Amino acid sequence: MGKGTTELVDLLVLLGMGAVVPLGLALIDEPGLARVRRLWPLAAVPGALSLWLPRGGLATGCATLYALGTLAVALHAPRRLARTRSLAPAEVAVLTALATPSVAGVALVAERSGYPLFGFEPHILALTVPHFHYAGFTAALVAGLVCRATRPGPTGARAAAARCAALSVPAGTLLVLAGYFLGAWLQFAGAVVLTTGMWLVGLLTWRELRGRAADPVTARLLAVSSAVLALTMVLALWWALGQASGLPHPSLTWMAATHGVGNALGFALCALLAWRRLGTVQARTTPEASR
């Protein structure tokens, strides 16, 4: 990646560390997670600092502090599962959201140290960090929230679509991760599954949730978050298909400036701000509601 692209990716990671993760954690009703959120700056600040330090021991140490913060979040996933004993679709999405920042944390430590983790070069690891903040944490969490809030309707089709979204977003994210190791075609399959889930999230947000917003600002935030997905996920499919088939596709620089910025600002930030503004029980992903 060029210097400009690297700086843009770093800015997206900063947004994920400093705003997206704490906003998202506030929407998960899980004992003990509020304390992690209060202490989150102790991880986010050194994590942010690591991005601007040259690769080496100091940058690696700062990145390690961030990775420990993401591990503290991830540890709530097995605790939650043991407590709720639920694998309902919304719960699967929330468990995925809790676990995936740790992937970003580990990738950040390896990238800042210059270590080719699992054989991946630093520039690939650098892209893994924002991917698992947005496609991992935020997408899974929002899919779970949408699943929780969608009303069944007379035929139950809407609820079925919401459950499909809540399962396909985590499944797609994991397939994309597996594709790093098993080949570009599996990564493309993961992009197809993930895109399907995110399009369902966008459609349900637009048709079901936007009209329920109590104020126009929240409604507009929901509208923007759903509309952006329709475009950014097309770019994800195009890039993944090109990687697998050798067909012409956007460069990493172009993807960071379009898909990356769109998903970070248009989808993730707008969606989480909207859910925070909703401020109702339906905007809380609770274990009891997810059963």
Foldseek 3Di string as FASTA:
>chain_A
DDPVLLVLLLVLLLCLQPPLVLLLLVQEPAPPSVVLSVCSCQLSVLQSVLSPDAQDDSSLVSLLSNLVSLVVQLVSLVVVCVVLVDPFLLNVLQNQLSNQQNLLSVLSNCLSNQHCVVNNGSVVSSNSNSCSSQLGNQQSNLLSLLLLQDDCPPVNPLNVLSSLLSNLSSVLVVQLVVCVVVHLVSNLVSLVSNLSSLLSSLVSLLPPVLVVAPDPLLSVLSNQQSVLSVPLSVLVNQVSVCRRPVDDHDDSSVNCVRNVVSSSPRHSVSSSVSLVNSPDPSSHNDSVSSD
